[in-house]
Amino acid sequence: MKDFQGRPKSHGGDFLLARLHSPELEAGVAGHVLDHRNGTYSAIFPLLWVGSVWVDVTLVHPSEAVPVLRRLREEHPDRVLYKSLFRSGILSETTMCNLRLPTNQQPLCNYTDPNTGEPWYCYKPKQLLSCDTRINHFRAGYQKDLITDKEALLFQRGGKQQCKGAPIRTTASGYYFQGQWRGAGWCRDSPV
């Protein structure tokens, strides 16, 4: 891997996703990315079909972005803005929702998941609507100006590197299983 200035990296920590796929067969499988912690990575895939395949590796976040993501998570857990619509008959109202909301502004509706304990709150509507009249939930935007211009460069969509190799030609007509070769036409009930 190279850093954003094009220099070879000598450490790992990048978040990569790998995919093996065959558009002709409409087949695909996710791979496991092994971080060698020296700026190099290996992608490991199960080979589940015969034919030509493509390998796609996508850089989701470079290692340099991890401290920024950690800071945002700790300092601004409510940076994504959510709202819910409450409706009953002709009355309707939209209120703010999130993992944490200031309790001194107005009463809260508590939608914490009883199975996981994951917290979720919405401000209770000011009109004569109860917490049970909530009918939907949607993202309403993001808090802006939480990262510096330099940090923003780490998250540019154009900064994602898409690595595509040439098709890998395979002529395998079977696979190894428990140390034995099994041809593509092998059936479980057939004698080995």
Foldseek 3Di string as FASTA:
>chain_A
DAPPVRHQAQFAQWDKWKKKADPVVRDIDTWDWAGPGGRDIDTDDDDDDAWWIKMKMKGQFGNVLVVVVVCCCVVPVPQWWKWWWFDDDPDIDIWTKDQDDDCVPAHKDWPQDPVPRRTMITHADPPPTGPVRTDDMDTDGGHPDPDDPVSVVRRDPVPMDIDMDDIDHDDAQFDDDPNDTDGVPDDPPDDD
